[in-house]
PDB file of N, CA and C in Angstrom:
ATOM      1  N   TYR A   1     -13.200  -8.069   3.457  1.00  0.00           N
ATOM      2  CA  TYR A   1     -12.615  -8.901   4.482  1.00  0.00           C
ATOM      3  C   TYR A   1     -12.974  -8.387   5.873  1.00  0.00           C
ATOM      4  N   GLN A   2     -13.053  -7.096   6.008  1.00  0.00           N
ATOM      5  CA  GLN A   2     -13.386  -6.537   7.307  1.00  0.00           C
ATOM      6  C   GLN A   2     -14.800  -6.943   7.728  1.00  0.00           C
ATOM      7  N   MET A   3     -15.746  -6.877   6.808  1.00  0.00           N
ATOM      8  CA  MET A   3     -17.125  -7.221   7.133  1.00  0.00           C
ATOM      9  C   MET A   3     -17.253  -8.709   7.472  1.00  0.00           C
ATOM     10  N   TYR A   4     -16.662  -9.558   6.654  1.00  0.00           N
ATOM     11  CA  TYR A   4     -16.772 -10.997   6.892  1.00  0.00           C
ATOM     12  C   TYR A   4     -16.114 -11.397   8.205  1.00  0.00           C
ATOM     13  N   HIS A   5     -15.008 -10.770   8.531  1.00  0.00           N
ATOM     14  CA  HIS A   5     -14.338 -11.134   9.766  1.00  0.00           C
ATOM     15  C   HIS A   5     -14.971 -10.466  10.980  1.00  0.00           C
ATOM     16  N   ALA A   6     -15.812  -9.471  10.771  1.00  0.00           N
ATOM     17  CA  ALA A   6     -16.640  -8.989  11.879  1.00  0.00           C
ATOM     18  C   ALA A   6     -17.638 -10.071  12.256  1.00  0.00           C
ATOM     19  N   PHE A   7     -18.199 -10.756  11.255  1.00  0.00           N
ATOM     20  CA  PHE A   7     -19.075 -11.895  11.534  1.00  0.00           C
ATOM     21  C   PHE A   7     -18.296 -13.037  12.192  1.00  0.00           C
ATOM     22  N   ALA A   8     -17.051 -13.234  11.769  1.00  0.00           N
ATOM     23  CA  ALA A   8     -16.212 -14.270  12.383  1.00  0.00           C
ATOM     24  C   ALA A   8     -15.926 -13.933  13.840  1.00  0.00           C
ATOM     25  N   LEU A   9     -15.778 -12.657  14.142  1.00  0.00           N
ATOM     26  CA  LEU A   9     -15.555 -12.239  15.520  1.00  0.00           C
ATOM     27  C   LEU A   9     -16.795 -12.507  16.375  1.00  0.00           C
ATOM     28  N   ILE A  10     -17.974 -12.323  15.798  1.00  0.00           N
ATOM     29  CA  ILE A  10     -19.212 -12.666  16.502  1.00  0.00           C
ATOM     30  C   ILE A  10     -19.268 -14.182  16.744  1.00  0.00           C
ATOM     31  N   ALA A  11     -18.867 -14.960  15.739  1.00  0.00           N
ATOM     32  CA  ALA A  11     -18.838 -16.418  15.896  1.00  0.00           C
ATOM     33  C   ALA A  11     -17.832 -16.824  16.966  1.00  0.00           C
ATOM     34  N   ALA A  12     -16.711 -16.134  17.031  1.00  0.00           N
ATOM     35  CA  ALA A  12     -15.707 -16.447  18.055  1.00  0.00           C
ATOM     36  C   ALA A  12     -16.240 -16.110  19.444  1.00  0.00           C
ATOM     37  N   ALA A  13     -16.994 -15.029  19.560  1.00  0.00           N
ATOM     38  CA  ALA A  13     -17.590 -14.681  20.854  1.00  0.00           C
ATOM     39  C   ALA A  13     -18.627 -15.721  21.259  1.00  0.00           C
ATOM     40  N   TRP A  14     -19.420 -16.179  20.311  1.00  0.00           N
ATOM     41  CA  TRP A  14     -20.402 -17.232  20.588  1.00  0.00           C
ATOM     42  C   TRP A  14     -19.696 -18.517  21.025  1.00  0.00           C
ATOM     43  N   ALA A  15     -18.631 -18.861  20.306  1.00  0.00           N
ATOM     44  CA  ALA A  15     -17.881 -20.077  20.644  1.00  0.00           C
ATOM     45  C   ALA A  15     -17.220 -19.948  22.014  1.00  0.00           C
ATOM     46  N   ALA A  16     -16.756 -18.748  22.356  1.00  0.00           N
ATOM     47  CA  ALA A  16     -16.127 -18.549  23.664  1.00  0.00           C
ATOM     48  C   ALA A  16     -17.138 -18.698  24.791  1.00  0.00           C
ATOM     49  N   ALA A  17     -18.382 -18.295  24.534  1.00  0.00           N
ATOM     50  CA  ALA A  17     -19.416 -18.474  25.551  1.00  0.00           C
ATOM     51  C   ALA A  17     -19.799 -19.937  25.686  1.00  0.00           C
ATOM     52  N   ARG A  18     -19.755 -20.651  24.592  1.00  0.00           N
ATOM     53  CA  ARG A  18     -20.163 -22.065  24.604  1.00  0.00           C
ATOM     54  C   ARG A  18     -19.027 -22.988  25.035  1.00  0.00           C
ATOM     55  N   TRP A  19     -17.827 -22.737  24.526  1.00  0.00           N
ATOM     56  CA  TRP A  19     -16.653 -23.552  24.826  1.00  0.00           C
ATOM     57  C   TRP A  19     -15.524 -22.648  25.303  1.00  0.00           C
ATOM     58  N   PRO A  20     -15.549 -22.201  26.538  1.00  0.00           N
ATOM     59  CA  PRO A  20     -14.486 -21.296  26.998  1.00  0.00           C
ATOM     60  C   PRO A  20     -13.127 -22.002  26.991  1.00  0.00           C
ATOM     61  N   GLY A  21     -12.126 -21.229  26.649  1.00  0.00           N
ATOM     62  CA  GLY A  21     -10.776 -21.775  26.628  1.00  0.00           C
ATOM     63  C   GLY A  21      -9.837 -20.856  25.873  1.00  0.00           C
ATOM     64  N   GLY A  22      -8.612 -21.255  25.835  1.00  0.00           N
ATOM     65  CA  GLY A  22      -7.586 -20.439  25.207  1.00  0.00           C
ATOM     66  C   GLY A  22      -7.715 -20.332  23.697  1.00  0.00           C
ATOM     67  N   LEU A  23      -8.168 -21.405  23.057  1.00  0.00           N
ATOM     68  CA  LEU A  23      -8.267 -21.381  21.593  1.00  0.00           C
ATOM     69  C   LEU A  23      -9.343 -20.419  21.101  1.00  0.00           C
ATOM     70  N   THR A  24     -10.479 -20.396  21.773  1.00  0.00           N
ATOM     71  CA  THR A  24     -11.538 -19.476  21.340  1.00  0.00           C
ATOM     72  C   THR A  24     -11.138 -18.038  21.612  1.00  0.00           C
ATOM     73  N   SER A  25     -10.481 -17.801  22.727  1.00  0.00           N
ATOM     74  CA  SER A  25      -9.996 -16.453  23.028  1.00  0.00           C
ATOM     75  C   SER A  25      -8.937 -16.019  22.011  1.00  0.00           C
ATOM     76  N   ALA A  26      -8.039 -16.933  21.697  1.00  0.00           N
ATOM     77  CA  ALA A  26      -6.994 -16.622  20.710  1.00  0.00           C
ATOM     78  C   ALA A  26      -7.596 -16.339  19.344  1.00  0.00           C
ATOM     79  N   SER A  27      -8.635 -17.080  18.972  1.00  0.00           N
ATOM     80  CA  SER A  27      -9.251 -16.839  17.664  1.00  0.00           C
ATOM     81  C   SER A  27      -9.849 -15.441  17.593  1.00  0.00           C
ATOM     82  N   GLY A  28     -10.497 -15.007  18.658  1.00  0.00           N
ATOM     83  CA  GLY A  28     -11.055 -13.653  18.667  1.00  0.00           C
ATOM     84  C   GLY A  28      -9.982 -12.586  18.535  1.00  0.00           C
ATOM     85  N   TRP A  29      -8.926 -12.735  19.303  1.00  0.00           N
ATOM     86  CA  TRP A  29      -7.841 -11.743  19.222  1.00  0.00           C
ATOM     87  C   TRP A  29      -7.130 -11.782  17.869  1.00  0.00           C
ATOM     88  N   LEU A  30      -7.019 -12.951  17.276  1.00  0.00           N
ATOM     89  CA  LEU A  30      -6.399 -13.035  15.955  1.00  0.00           C
ATOM     90  C   LEU A  30      -7.281 -12.384  14.890  1.00  0.00           C
ATOM     91  N   PHE A  31      -8.608 -12.509  15.025  1.00  0.00           N
ATOM     92  CA  PHE A  31      -9.504 -11.815  14.091  1.00  0.00           C
ATOM     93  C   PHE A  31      -9.397 -10.305  14.249  1.00  0.00           C
ATOM     94  N   VAL A  32      -9.270  -9.829  15.482  1.00  0.00           N
ATOM     95  CA  VAL A  32      -9.098  -8.391  15.713  1.00  0.00           C
ATOM     96  C   VAL A  32      -7.772  -7.914  15.113  1.00  0.00           C
ATOM     97  N   ALA A  33      -6.703  -8.659  15.387  1.00  0.00           N
ATOM     98  CA  ALA A  33      -5.391  -8.278  14.855  1.00  0.00           C
ATOM     99  C   ALA A  33      -5.379  -8.327  13.332  1.00  0.00           C
ATOM    100  N   GLY A  34      -5.995  -9.343  12.768  1.00  0.00           N
ATOM    101  CA  GLY A  34      -6.053  -9.440  11.312  1.00  0.00           C
ATOM    102  C   GLY A  34      -6.815  -8.291  10.696  1.00  0.00           C
ATOM    103  N   THR A  35      -7.924  -7.888  11.320  1.00  0.00           N
ATOM    104  CA  THR A  35      -8.699  -6.768  10.797  1.00  0.00           C
ATOM    105  C   THR A  35      -7.892  -5.485  10.859  1.00  0.00           C
ATOM    106  N   VAL A  36      -7.241  -5.239  11.978  1.00  0.00           N
ATOM    107  CA  VAL A  36      -6.458  -4.004  12.123  1.00  0.00           C
ATOM    108  C   VAL A  36      -5.287  -3.986  11.152  1.00  0.00           C
ATOM    109  N   ILE A  37      -4.558  -5.090  11.063  1.00  0.00           N
ATOM    110  CA  ILE A  37      -3.361  -5.108  10.218  1.00  0.00           C
ATOM    111  C   ILE A  37      -3.730  -5.184   8.745  1.00  0.00           C
ATOM    112  N   PHE A  38      -4.607  -6.104   8.373  1.00  0.00           N
ATOM    113  CA  PHE A  38      -4.950  -6.288   6.965  1.00  0.00           C
ATOM    114  C   PHE A  38      -5.743  -5.092   6.433  1.00  0.00           C
ATOM    115  N   SER A  39      -6.908  -4.859   7.020  1.00  0.00           N
ATOM    116  CA  SER A  39      -7.760  -3.785   6.516  1.00  0.00           C
ATOM    117  C   SER A  39      -7.164  -2.422   6.814  1.00  0.00           C
ATOM    118  N   GLY A  40      -6.600  -2.270   8.006  1.00  0.00           N
ATOM    119  CA  GLY A  40      -6.004  -0.982   8.365  1.00  0.00           C
ATOM    120  C   GLY A  40      -4.869  -0.585   7.445  1.00  0.00           C
ATOM    121  N   SER A  41      -4.012  -1.537   7.112  1.00  0.00           N
ATOM    122  CA  SER A  41      -2.899  -1.197   6.216  1.00  0.00           C
ATOM    123  C   SER A  41      -3.399  -0.836   4.821  1.00  0.00           C
ATOM    124  N   LEU A  42      -4.459  -1.496   4.375  1.00  0.00           N
ATOM    125  CA  LEU A  42      -5.013  -1.161   3.057  1.00  0.00           C
ATOM    126  C   LEU A  42      -5.684   0.211   3.063  1.00  0.00           C
ATOM    127  N   TYR A  43      -6.362   0.543   4.170  1.00  0.00           N
ATOM    128  CA  TYR A  43      -6.954   1.876   4.282  1.00  0.00           C
ATOM    129  C   TYR A  43      -5.878   2.959   4.258  1.00  0.00           C
ATOM    130  N   VAL A  44      -4.843   2.762   5.060  1.00  0.00           N
ATOM    131  CA  VAL A  44      -3.767   3.761   5.108  1.00  0.00           C
ATOM    132  C   VAL A  44      -3.047   3.827   3.768  1.00  0.00           C
ATOM    133  N   LEU A  45      -2.835   2.704   3.120  1.00  0.00           N
ATOM    134  CA  LEU A  45      -2.192   2.668   1.806  1.00  0.00           C
ATOM    135  C   LEU A  45      -3.000   3.449   0.783  1.00  0.00           C
ATOM    136  N   SER A  46      -4.309   3.265   0.796  1.00  0.00           N
ATOM    137  CA  SER A  46      -5.135   3.954  -0.195  1.00  0.00           C
ATOM    138  C   SER A  46      -5.274   5.441   0.103  1.00  0.00           C
ATOM    139  N   LEU A  47      -5.233   5.821   1.364  1.00  0.00           N
ATOM    140  CA  LEU A  47      -5.404   7.233   1.708  1.00  0.00           C
ATOM    141  C   LEU A  47      -4.115   8.040   1.629  1.00  0.00           C
ATOM    142  N   THR A  48      -2.985   7.397   1.928  1.00  0.00           N
ATOM    143  CA  THR A  48      -1.727   8.145   1.964  1.00  0.00           C
ATOM    144  C   THR A  48      -0.780   7.798   0.822  1.00  0.00           C
ATOM    145  N   GLY A  49      -0.932   6.635   0.241  1.00  0.00           N
ATOM    146  CA  GLY A  49      -0.030   6.226  -0.825  1.00  0.00           C
ATOM    147  C   GLY A  49       1.291   5.666  -0.323  1.00  0.00           C
ATOM    148  N   LEU A  50       1.402   5.386   0.970  1.00  0.00           N
ATOM    149  CA  LEU A  50       2.626   4.797   1.505  1.00  0.00           C
ATOM    150  C   LEU A  50       2.727   3.356   1.024  1.00  0.00           C
ATOM    151  N   ARG A  51       3.597   3.110   0.069  1.00  0.00           N
ATOM    152  CA  ARG A  51       3.670   1.808  -0.587  1.00  0.00           C
ATOM    153  C   ARG A  51       4.229   0.713   0.318  1.00  0.00           C
ATOM    154  N   TRP A  52       5.030   1.058   1.308  1.00  0.00           N
ATOM    155  CA  TRP A  52       5.637   0.039   2.157  1.00  0.00           C
ATOM    156  C   TRP A  52       4.593  -0.674   3.010  1.00  0.00           C
ATOM    157  N   LEU A  53       3.415  -0.100   3.172  1.00  0.00           N
ATOM    158  CA  LEU A  53       2.381  -0.756   3.963  1.00  0.00           C
ATOM    159  C   LEU A  53       1.836  -2.002   3.270  1.00  0.00           C
ATOM    160  N   GLY A  54       2.006  -2.071   1.957  1.00  0.00           N
ATOM    161  CA  GLY A  54       1.587  -3.273   1.244  1.00  0.00           C
ATOM    162  C   GLY A  54       2.364  -4.498   1.682  1.00  0.00           C
ATOM    163  N   ALA A  55       3.545  -4.296   2.238  1.00  0.00           N
ATOM    164  CA  ALA A  55       4.375  -5.417   2.679  1.00  0.00           C
ATOM    165  C   ALA A  55       3.879  -6.035   3.980  1.00  0.00           C
ATOM    166  N   ILE A  56       3.138  -5.275   4.796  1.00  0.00           N
ATOM    167  CA  ILE A  56       2.661  -5.845   6.056  1.00  0.00           C
ATOM    168  C   ILE A  56       1.237  -6.384   5.955  1.00  0.00           C
ATOM    169  N   THR A  57       0.569  -6.121   4.853  1.00  0.00           N
ATOM    170  CA  THR A  57      -0.802  -6.599   4.672  1.00  0.00           C
ATOM    171  C   THR A  57      -0.908  -8.122   4.790  1.00  0.00           C
ATOM    172  N   PRO A  58       0.008  -8.915   4.222  1.00  0.00           N
ATOM    173  CA  PRO A  58      -0.099 -10.373   4.366  1.00  0.00           C
ATOM    174  C   PRO A  58      -0.007 -10.864   5.805  1.00  0.00           C
ATOM    175  N   ILE A  59       0.592 -10.098   6.689  1.00  0.00           N
ATOM    176  CA  ILE A  59       0.643 -10.492   8.096  1.00  0.00           C
ATOM    177  C   ILE A  59      -0.774 -10.532   8.666  1.00  0.00           C
ATOM    178  N   GLY A  60      -1.595  -9.574   8.262  1.00  0.00           N
ATOM    179  CA  GLY A  60      -2.994  -9.587   8.681  1.00  0.00           C
ATOM    180  C   GLY A  60      -3.735 -10.778   8.111  1.00  0.00           C
ATOM    181  N   GLY A  61      -3.424 -11.146   6.874  1.00  0.00           N
ATOM    182  CA  GLY A  61      -4.031 -12.336   6.282  1.00  0.00           C
ATOM    183  C   GLY A  61      -3.648 -13.602   7.029  1.00  0.00           C
ATOM    184  N   LEU A  62      -2.400 -13.666   7.473  1.00  0.00           N
ATOM    185  CA  LEU A  62      -1.971 -14.822   8.271  1.00  0.00           C
ATOM    186  C   LEU A  62      -2.687 -14.851   9.617  1.00  0.00           C
ATOM    187  N   ALA A  63      -2.931 -13.680  10.179  1.00  0.00           N
ATOM    188  CA  ALA A  63      -3.690 -13.631  11.440  1.00  0.00           C
ATOM    189  C   ALA A  63      -5.117 -14.126  11.226  1.00  0.00           C
ATOM    190  N   PHE A  64      -5.721 -13.767  10.088  1.00  0.00           N
ATOM    191  CA  PHE A  64      -7.058 -14.294   9.768  1.00  0.00           C
ATOM    192  C   PHE A  64      -7.036 -15.819   9.685  1.00  0.00           C
ATOM    193  N   LEU A  65      -6.068 -16.351   8.965  1.00  0.00           N
ATOM    194  CA  LEU A  65      -5.964 -17.810   8.824  1.00  0.00           C
ATOM    195  C   LEU A  65      -5.743 -18.492  10.177  1.00  0.00           C
ATOM    196  N   ALA A  66      -4.871 -17.921  10.985  1.00  0.00           N
ATOM    197  CA  ALA A  66      -4.617 -18.498  12.302  1.00  0.00           C
ATOM    198  C   ALA A  66      -5.868 -18.423  13.179  1.00  0.00           C
ATOM    199  N   GLY A  67      -6.634 -17.348  13.043  1.00  0.00           N
ATOM    200  CA  GLY A  67      -7.884 -17.235  13.789  1.00  0.00           C
ATOM    201  C   GLY A  67      -8.872 -18.318  13.405  1.00  0.00           C
ATOM    202  N   TRP A  68      -8.980 -18.570  12.101  1.00  0.00           N
ATOM    203  CA  TRP A  68      -9.886 -19.633  11.652  1.00  0.00           C
ATOM    204  C   TRP A  68      -9.414 -20.994  12.133  1.00  0.00           C
ATOM    205  N   LEU A  69      -8.109 -21.225  12.114  1.00  0.00           N
ATOM    206  CA  LEU A  69      -7.579 -22.505  12.595  1.00  0.00           C
ATOM    207  C   LEU A  69      -7.835 -22.691  14.086  1.00  0.00           C
ATOM    208  N   CYS A  70      -7.644 -21.632  14.868  1.00  0.00           N
ATOM    209  CA  CYS A  70      -7.913 -21.722  16.300  1.00  0.00           C
ATOM    210  C   CYS A  70      -9.391 -21.963  16.578  1.00  0.00           C
ATOM    211  N   LEU A  71     -10.257 -21.288  15.823  1.00  0.00           N
ATOM    212  CA  LEU A  71     -11.684 -21.479  16.016  1.00  0.00           C
ATOM    213  C   LEU A  71     -12.102 -22.899  15.644  1.00  0.00           C
ATOM    214  N   ALA A  72     -11.565 -23.402  14.543  1.00  0.00           N
ATOM    215  CA  ALA A  72     -11.868 -24.771  14.127  1.00  0.00           C
ATOM    216  C   ALA A  72     -11.346 -25.785  15.142  1.00  0.00           C
ATOM    217  N   ALA A  73     -10.157 -25.549  15.666  1.00  0.00           N
ATOM    218  CA  ALA A  73      -9.595 -26.458  16.663  1.00  0.00           C
ATOM    219  C   ALA A  73     -10.424 -26.439  17.945  1.00  0.00           C
ATOM    220  N   ALA A  74     -10.914 -25.270  18.340  1.00  0.00           N
ATOM    221  CA  ALA A  74     -11.742 -25.181  19.544  1.00  0.00           C
ATOM    222  C   ALA A  74     -13.058 -25.940  19.349  1.00  0.00           C
ATOM    223  N   CYS A  75     -13.629 -25.825  18.168  1.00  0.00           N
ATOM    224  CA  CYS A  75     -14.865 -26.574  17.890  1.00  0.00           C
ATOM    225  C   CYS A  75     -14.591 -28.065  17.837  1.00  0.00           C
ATOM    226  N   TRP A  76     -13.467 -28.453  17.274  1.00  0.00           N
ATOM    227  CA  TRP A  76     -13.127 -29.862  17.129  1.00  0.00           C
ATOM    228  C   TRP A  76     -12.886 -30.509  18.502  1.00  0.00           C
ATOM    229  N   LYS A  77     -12.218 -29.765  19.389  1.00  0.00           N
ATOM    230  CA  LYS A  77     -11.881 -30.319  20.710  1.00  0.00           C
ATOM    231  C   LYS A  77     -13.108 -30.481  21.608  1.00  0.00           C
ATOM    232  N   SER A  78     -14.152 -29.721  21.344  1.00  0.00           N
ATOM    233  CA  SER A  78     -15.304 -29.764  22.270  1.00  0.00           C
ATOM    234  C   SER A  78     -16.306 -30.817  21.927  1.00  0.00           C
TER     235      SER A  78
END
């Protein structure tokens, strides 16, 4: 997920250059937040064994979904 959303972050940067606005900016930040929360929590979970971090992992997944929705909406509006 981290690798694929790094490509999504590049796409969001391209879209922000082509269609500047709040939605493209929000999509980029949501991809960053999703990567940190989703992938970061899984990394920390696997390295430390802190089981409670598994509960916050879906928040990162929701950030990924919201990022894709914002990016799609920005493309649709332009």
